[in-house]
Structure formats: structure tokens, C-alpha cells
């Protein structure tokens, strides 16, 4: 199913888009973890862009990115100690 042309997704479409079971999506919405709208207090709708942002949140760095971050940290803090700054 092609969701790229739809901005607003129904509950069923949102479940399909996320690849999660309906029961799990209900759990995420009731816990306030997943952004959703409920305009008349009945049907749940999702903003596709907000779902994408949610799916990409809490990103984890690759091993190589972590190595660069560690080397930068060590170089920065070693230079500070040599200059008398801690």
C-alpha cells in the first residue's frame, strides 16, 4: 500500500504503516508514546510525518560514529588537561 500521497492515516493504515499489531498500537497511543489525533473522541488518526519522526527518534550511533566521538572526546579533554584546565 502506498502511503506517500496521504498525510492523514486511519488507525488501520497507521498500524500497517508502522508494521505493528493493532493491540500494540493501542497500547502505545493509550500510554501517550505515539502521537495521534482523536477528533470526535472515537476514531484514531495519525499524521504520517509525525509517525515517521517518531520511528526515527532515539537514534543510535554506528560503531564508527562512536569511535569518532570517543576520539574527539579524548583529544579535547587531553588538550584541556595539558593546558592546566580540567
N, C-alpha and C. Protein backbone atom coordinates (compact mmCIF):
# COMPACT_ATOMS: atom_id res chain seq x y z
N UNK A 1 0.84 -1.18 0.00
CA UNK A 1 0.00 0.00 0.00
C UNK A 1 0.89 1.24 0.00
N UNK A 2 0.58 2.23 -0.83
CA UNK A 2 1.38 3.43 -0.96
C UNK A 2 0.79 4.55 -0.10
N UNK A 3 1.53 4.93 0.94
CA UNK A 3 1.06 5.97 1.85
C UNK A 3 1.72 7.32 1.57
N UNK A 4 2.61 7.37 0.58
CA UNK A 4 3.37 8.60 0.36
C UNK A 4 2.50 9.79 -0.04
N UNK A 5 1.34 9.55 -0.60
CA UNK A 5 0.47 10.65 -1.01
C UNK A 5 -0.54 11.04 0.08
N UNK A 6 -0.58 10.27 1.16
CA UNK A 6 -1.53 10.55 2.24
C UNK A 6 -0.82 11.19 3.42
N UNK A 7 -1.38 12.27 3.92
CA UNK A 7 -0.82 12.90 5.12
C UNK A 7 -1.47 12.34 6.37
N UNK A 8 -2.77 12.12 6.32
CA UNK A 8 -3.51 11.60 7.47
C UNK A 8 -3.83 10.13 7.24
N UNK A 9 -3.51 9.31 8.24
CA UNK A 9 -3.76 7.87 8.14
C UNK A 9 -4.78 7.45 9.18
N UNK A 10 -5.65 6.53 8.79
CA UNK A 10 -6.59 5.95 9.74
C UNK A 10 -5.81 5.05 10.70
N UNK A 11 -6.49 4.57 11.72
CA UNK A 11 -5.84 3.68 12.68
C UNK A 11 -5.28 2.44 11.99
N UNK A 12 -6.10 1.80 11.16
CA UNK A 12 -5.66 0.58 10.46
C UNK A 12 -4.49 0.87 9.54
N UNK A 13 -4.55 1.99 8.82
CA UNK A 13 -3.45 2.36 7.93
C UNK A 13 -2.18 2.65 8.73
N UNK A 14 -2.34 3.29 9.88
CA UNK A 14 -1.20 3.57 10.74
C UNK A 14 -0.54 2.29 11.24
N UNK A 15 -1.35 1.31 11.60
CA UNK A 15 -0.81 0.02 12.05
C UNK A 15 -0.01 -0.64 10.93
N UNK A 16 -0.58 -0.60 9.73
CA UNK A 16 0.10 -1.19 8.57
C UNK A 16 1.39 -0.43 8.28
N UNK A 17 1.33 0.90 8.32
CA UNK A 17 2.49 1.74 8.04
C UNK A 17 3.62 1.48 9.04
N UNK A 18 3.26 1.34 10.31
CA UNK A 18 4.25 1.08 11.35
C UNK A 18 4.73 -0.37 11.34
N UNK A 19 3.87 -1.26 10.86
CA UNK A 19 4.20 -2.68 10.87
C UNK A 19 3.97 -3.33 12.23
N UNK A 20 3.08 -2.73 13.02
CA UNK A 20 2.78 -3.23 14.36
C UNK A 20 1.35 -3.77 14.41
N UNK A 21 1.12 -4.67 15.35
CA UNK A 21 -0.22 -5.20 15.59
C UNK A 21 -1.11 -4.11 16.17
N UNK A 22 -2.41 -4.21 15.92
CA UNK A 22 -3.36 -3.21 16.42
C UNK A 22 -3.30 -3.09 17.95
N UNK A 23 -3.18 -4.22 18.62
CA UNK A 23 -3.15 -4.19 20.09
C UNK A 23 -1.94 -3.41 20.61
N UNK A 24 -0.79 -3.54 19.93
CA UNK A 24 0.41 -2.83 20.35
C UNK A 24 0.28 -1.33 20.07
N UNK A 25 -0.33 -0.98 18.95
CA UNK A 25 -0.53 0.44 18.62
C UNK A 25 -1.51 1.07 19.61
N UNK A 26 -2.56 0.35 19.97
CA UNK A 26 -3.49 0.85 21.01
C UNK A 26 -2.73 1.09 22.31
N UNK A 27 -1.86 0.18 22.67
CA UNK A 27 -1.08 0.31 23.90
C UNK A 27 -0.19 1.56 23.83
N UNK A 28 0.46 1.79 22.68
CA UNK A 28 1.33 2.96 22.52
C UNK A 28 0.54 4.27 22.56
N UNK A 29 -0.66 4.27 21.96
CA UNK A 29 -1.46 5.50 21.97
C UNK A 29 -2.01 5.77 23.37
N UNK A 30 -2.47 4.74 24.05
CA UNK A 30 -3.04 4.95 25.39
C UNK A 30 -1.97 5.37 26.40
N UNK A 31 -0.73 4.96 26.16
CA UNK A 31 0.37 5.34 27.05
C UNK A 31 0.92 6.72 26.70
N UNK A 32 0.44 7.30 25.59
CA UNK A 32 0.91 8.62 25.17
C UNK A 32 2.28 8.60 24.53
N UNK A 33 2.70 7.43 24.08
CA UNK A 33 4.01 7.29 23.46
C UNK A 33 3.97 7.67 21.99
N UNK A 34 2.89 7.32 21.34
CA UNK A 34 2.72 7.53 19.90
C UNK A 34 1.81 8.73 19.65
N UNK A 35 2.24 9.69 18.82
CA UNK A 35 1.39 10.87 18.56
C UNK A 35 0.18 10.50 17.69
N UNK A 36 -1.01 10.95 18.11
CA UNK A 36 -2.22 10.65 17.36
C UNK A 36 -3.25 11.74 17.59
N UNK A 37 -4.31 11.71 16.79
CA UNK A 37 -5.43 12.63 16.94
C UNK A 37 -6.71 11.81 17.07
N UNK A 38 -7.63 12.35 17.84
CA UNK A 38 -8.92 11.69 18.05
C UNK A 38 -9.98 12.79 18.00
N UNK A 39 -10.32 13.28 16.78
CA UNK A 39 -11.13 14.48 16.64
C UNK A 39 -12.52 14.42 17.27
N UNK A 40 -13.22 13.31 17.19
CA UNK A 40 -14.56 13.21 17.75
C UNK A 40 -14.61 12.30 18.97
N UNK A 41 -13.44 11.99 19.50
CA UNK A 41 -13.39 11.11 20.66
C UNK A 41 -13.60 9.65 20.33
N UNK A 42 -13.64 9.31 19.06
CA UNK A 42 -13.85 7.91 18.67
C UNK A 42 -12.68 7.39 17.84
N UNK A 43 -12.64 7.77 16.59
CA UNK A 43 -11.64 7.25 15.66
C UNK A 43 -10.26 7.87 15.90
N UNK A 44 -9.23 7.04 15.78
CA UNK A 44 -7.85 7.49 15.93
C UNK A 44 -7.27 7.71 14.53
N UNK A 45 -6.58 8.85 14.40
CA UNK A 45 -5.90 9.18 13.15
C UNK A 45 -4.45 9.53 13.45
N UNK A 46 -3.60 9.32 12.46
CA UNK A 46 -2.19 9.62 12.59
C UNK A 46 -1.74 10.57 11.49
N UNK A 47 -0.84 11.47 11.84
CA UNK A 47 -0.16 12.31 10.86
C UNK A 47 1.06 11.50 10.42
N UNK A 48 1.12 11.17 9.15
CA UNK A 48 2.19 10.30 8.63
C UNK A 48 3.57 10.86 8.96
N UNK A 49 3.75 12.17 8.83
CA UNK A 49 5.06 12.77 9.10
C UNK A 49 5.44 12.64 10.58
N UNK A 50 4.46 12.74 11.46
CA UNK A 50 4.74 12.57 12.89
C UNK A 50 5.10 11.11 13.21
N UNK A 51 4.45 10.18 12.51
CA UNK A 51 4.81 8.78 12.70
C UNK A 51 6.24 8.53 12.24
N UNK A 52 6.61 9.13 11.10
CA UNK A 52 7.98 8.97 10.60
C UNK A 52 8.98 9.55 11.59
N UNK A 53 8.69 10.73 12.13
CA UNK A 53 9.58 11.35 13.11
C UNK A 53 9.70 10.47 14.35
N UNK A 54 8.58 9.89 14.79
CA UNK A 54 8.59 9.01 15.95
C UNK A 54 9.43 7.77 15.67
N UNK A 55 9.27 7.19 14.48
CA UNK A 55 10.02 5.98 14.13
C UNK A 55 11.53 6.25 14.09
N UNK A 56 11.91 7.47 13.73
CA UNK A 56 13.32 7.80 13.62
C UNK A 56 13.90 8.43 14.88
N UNK A 57 13.09 8.56 15.92
CA UNK A 57 13.58 9.14 17.18
C UNK A 57 14.44 8.12 17.92
N UNK A 58 15.19 8.62 18.88
CA UNK A 58 16.06 7.78 19.69
C UNK A 58 17.07 7.02 18.84
N UNK A 59 17.69 7.75 17.94
CA UNK A 59 18.66 7.18 17.00
C UNK A 59 19.89 6.67 17.74
N UNK A 60 20.42 5.58 17.28
CA UNK A 60 21.63 5.02 17.85
C UNK A 60 22.78 5.20 16.86
N UNK A 61 23.92 5.64 17.36
CA UNK A 61 25.09 5.86 16.50
C UNK A 61 25.69 4.52 16.10
N UNK A 62 26.31 4.50 14.92
CA UNK A 62 27.01 3.31 14.48
C UNK A 62 28.31 3.17 15.27
N UNK A 63 28.93 2.04 15.18
CA UNK A 63 30.19 1.80 15.88
C UNK A 63 31.25 2.80 15.43
N UNK A 64 31.31 3.06 14.14
CA UNK A 64 32.29 4.01 13.61
C UNK A 64 32.03 5.42 14.13
N UNK A 65 30.77 5.83 14.20
CA UNK A 65 30.44 7.15 14.73
C UNK A 65 30.83 7.26 16.20
N UNK A 66 30.63 6.18 16.95
CA UNK A 66 31.01 6.18 18.36
C UNK A 66 32.52 6.27 18.53
N UNK A 67 33.28 5.63 17.64
CA UNK A 67 34.73 5.72 17.69
C UNK A 67 35.20 7.16 17.45
N UNK A 68 34.59 7.83 16.48
CA UNK A 68 34.95 9.23 16.20
C UNK A 68 34.60 10.11 17.39
N UNK A 69 33.44 9.90 17.97
CA UNK A 69 33.03 10.68 19.15
C UNK A 69 34.00 10.45 20.31
N UNK A 70 34.41 9.22 20.53
CA UNK A 70 35.33 8.90 21.62
C UNK A 70 36.69 9.55 21.39
N UNK A 71 37.18 9.45 20.16
CA UNK A 71 38.48 10.06 19.85
C UNK A 71 38.44 11.57 20.01
N UNK A 72 37.36 12.19 19.59
CA UNK A 72 37.19 13.63 19.74
C UNK A 72 37.16 14.01 21.21
N UNK A 73 36.44 13.23 22.01
CA UNK A 73 36.34 13.49 23.45
C UNK A 73 37.72 13.40 24.11
N UNK A 74 38.44 12.32 23.80
CA UNK A 74 39.76 12.12 24.40
C UNK A 74 40.71 13.24 23.99
N UNK A 75 40.72 13.59 22.71
CA UNK A 75 41.61 14.65 22.23
C UNK A 75 41.27 15.99 22.87
N UNK A 76 40.00 16.29 23.02
CA UNK A 76 39.57 17.56 23.60
C UNK A 76 39.94 17.63 25.08
N UNK A 77 39.68 16.57 25.81
CA UNK A 77 39.94 16.58 27.25
C UNK A 77 41.43 16.43 27.57
N UNK A 78 42.19 15.75 26.74
CA UNK A 78 43.63 15.65 26.93
C UNK A 78 44.26 17.02 26.72
N UNK A 79 43.82 17.74 25.71
CA UNK A 79 44.35 19.08 25.44
C UNK A 79 44.03 20.02 26.58
N UNK A 80 42.87 19.89 27.18
CA UNK A 80 42.49 20.74 28.30
C UNK A 80 43.36 20.45 29.52
N UNK A 81 43.67 19.19 29.79
CA UNK A 81 44.48 18.84 30.94
C UNK A 81 45.92 19.32 30.77
N UNK A 82 46.44 19.25 29.56
CA UNK A 82 47.81 19.69 29.31
C UNK A 82 47.94 21.20 29.53
N UNK A 83 46.86 21.92 29.26
CA UNK A 83 46.87 23.36 29.44
C UNK A 83 46.55 23.78 30.86
N UNK A 84 46.37 22.82 31.75
CA UNK A 84 46.07 23.14 33.14
C UNK A 84 44.59 23.26 33.42
N UNK A 85 43.77 23.06 32.45
CA UNK A 85 42.31 23.15 32.65
C UNK A 85 41.76 21.76 32.84
N UNK A 86 40.82 21.66 33.74
CA UNK A 86 40.17 20.36 33.95
C UNK A 86 38.68 20.53 33.79
